[in-house]
Amino acid sequence: MQSKEVNSVPYLISRSILKELLEDGLITEEEFSKIDAENKKTFNK
C-alpha cells in the first residue's frame, strides 16, 4: 500500500510544530513518528 502525502494546511502546521518540539528536545524521534502518523490519518480525511 502506497502512502499518500498529506498537504493540508492544518497538517503542515502540526508537522512544523512537531519539528520544533523535536528540535527543542521535548519529544523523541519515536514520538515524532507516532504523532505524525496519527496526524496523517486525521488530516487525510
N, C-alpha and C. Protein backbone atom coordinates (compact mmCIF):
# COMPACT_ATOMS: atom_id res chain seq x y z
N MET A 1 0.84 -1.19 0.00
CA MET A 1 0.00 0.00 0.00
C MET A 1 0.88 1.24 0.00
N GLN A 2 0.62 2.14 -0.89
CA GLN A 2 1.43 3.35 -1.01
C GLN A 2 0.85 4.46 -0.15
N SER A 3 1.73 5.15 0.57
CA SER A 3 1.30 6.23 1.45
C SER A 3 1.10 7.51 0.65
N LYS A 4 -0.05 8.16 0.86
CA LYS A 4 -0.30 9.45 0.20
C LYS A 4 0.32 10.56 1.02
N GLU A 5 0.86 11.53 0.37
CA GLU A 5 1.40 12.71 1.06
C GLU A 5 0.25 13.62 1.43
N VAL A 6 0.25 14.05 2.68
CA VAL A 6 -0.81 14.95 3.15
C VAL A 6 -0.29 16.37 3.04
N ASN A 7 -1.02 17.23 2.33
CA ASN A 7 -0.57 18.60 2.11
C ASN A 7 -1.56 19.64 2.62
N SER A 8 -2.47 19.23 3.50
CA SER A 8 -3.42 20.20 4.02
C SER A 8 -2.70 21.18 4.94
N VAL A 9 -3.17 22.40 4.97
CA VAL A 9 -2.54 23.43 5.80
C VAL A 9 -2.50 23.03 7.28
N PRO A 10 -3.61 22.54 7.85
CA PRO A 10 -3.55 22.15 9.27
C PRO A 10 -2.50 21.07 9.54
N TYR A 11 -2.38 20.09 8.62
CA TYR A 11 -1.36 19.05 8.79
C TYR A 11 0.04 19.65 8.74
N LEU A 12 0.28 20.51 7.77
CA LEU A 12 1.61 21.11 7.63
C LEU A 12 1.96 21.97 8.85
N ILE A 13 0.98 22.65 9.42
CA ILE A 13 1.21 23.42 10.64
C ILE A 13 1.56 22.48 11.79
N SER A 14 0.80 21.40 11.93
CA SER A 14 1.06 20.47 13.03
C SER A 14 2.44 19.84 12.88
N ARG A 15 2.84 19.54 11.66
CA ARG A 15 4.16 18.94 11.43
C ARG A 15 5.27 19.95 11.78
N SER A 16 5.05 21.20 11.45
CA SER A 16 6.02 22.24 11.78
C SER A 16 6.20 22.36 13.30
N ILE A 17 5.08 22.32 14.02
CA ILE A 17 5.14 22.38 15.49
C ILE A 17 5.86 21.15 16.03
N LEU A 18 5.56 19.98 15.48
CA LEU A 18 6.23 18.76 15.92
C LEU A 18 7.73 18.85 15.71
N LYS A 19 8.15 19.39 14.56
CA LYS A 19 9.58 19.54 14.29
C LYS A 19 10.25 20.44 15.32
N GLU A 20 9.55 21.52 15.70
CA GLU A 20 10.10 22.42 16.73
C GLU A 20 10.24 21.70 18.06
N LEU A 21 9.23 20.92 18.43
CA LEU A 21 9.30 20.16 19.68
C LEU A 21 10.46 19.17 19.66
N LEU A 22 10.66 18.54 18.51
CA LEU A 22 11.75 17.58 18.36
C LEU A 22 13.10 18.29 18.47
N GLU A 23 13.24 19.40 17.77
CA GLU A 23 14.50 20.15 17.80
C GLU A 23 14.81 20.69 19.19
N ASP A 24 13.76 21.02 19.95
CA ASP A 24 13.95 21.53 21.31
C ASP A 24 14.15 20.41 22.33
N GLY A 25 14.09 19.17 21.87
CA GLY A 25 14.30 18.04 22.76
C GLY A 25 13.11 17.71 23.64
N LEU A 26 11.94 18.21 23.28
CA LEU A 26 10.75 17.98 24.10
C LEU A 26 10.04 16.67 23.74
N ILE A 27 10.31 16.15 22.54
CA ILE A 27 9.81 14.83 22.15
C ILE A 27 10.95 14.07 21.47
N THR A 28 10.83 12.74 21.45
CA THR A 28 11.84 11.90 20.81
C THR A 28 11.48 11.67 19.34
N GLU A 29 12.42 11.11 18.59
CA GLU A 29 12.16 10.75 17.18
C GLU A 29 10.99 9.78 17.09
N GLU A 30 10.96 8.83 18.03
CA GLU A 30 9.88 7.83 18.04
C GLU A 30 8.53 8.50 18.27
N GLU A 31 8.48 9.41 19.23
CA GLU A 31 7.23 10.14 19.50
C GLU A 31 6.83 10.97 18.29
N PHE A 32 7.80 11.63 17.66
CA PHE A 32 7.54 12.42 16.46
C PHE A 32 6.88 11.55 15.39
N SER A 33 7.47 10.38 15.15
CA SER A 33 6.95 9.49 14.11
C SER A 33 5.54 9.02 14.42
N LYS A 34 5.30 8.65 15.68
CA LYS A 34 3.97 8.16 16.06
C LYS A 34 2.92 9.26 15.93
N ILE A 35 3.23 10.45 16.43
CA ILE A 35 2.28 11.57 16.37
C ILE A 35 2.04 11.96 14.91
N ASP A 36 3.10 12.01 14.12
CA ASP A 36 2.96 12.38 12.71
C ASP A 36 2.09 11.37 11.97
N ALA A 37 2.25 10.09 12.27
CA ALA A 37 1.43 9.06 11.63
C ALA A 37 -0.04 9.25 11.98
N GLU A 38 -0.33 9.55 13.24
CA GLU A 38 -1.71 9.81 13.66
C GLU A 38 -2.26 11.06 12.98
N ASN A 39 -1.43 12.09 12.90
CA ASN A 39 -1.87 13.33 12.24
C ASN A 39 -2.18 13.08 10.77
N LYS A 40 -1.38 12.25 10.10
CA LYS A 40 -1.64 11.94 8.69
C LYS A 40 -3.01 11.30 8.54
N LYS A 41 -3.34 10.37 9.45
CA LYS A 41 -4.65 9.73 9.40
C LYS A 41 -5.76 10.76 9.61
N THR A 42 -5.57 11.61 10.60
CA THR A 42 -6.59 12.60 10.97
C THR A 42 -6.81 13.63 9.87
N PHE A 43 -5.72 14.17 9.32
CA PHE A 43 -5.84 15.25 8.35
C PHE A 43 -6.05 14.76 6.92
N ASN A 44 -6.04 13.45 6.70
CA ASN A 44 -6.20 12.90 5.36
C ASN A 44 -7.64 12.47 5.10
N LYS A 45 -8.57 12.92 5.93
CA LYS A 45 -9.98 12.53 5.77
C LYS A 45 -10.71 13.47 4.85
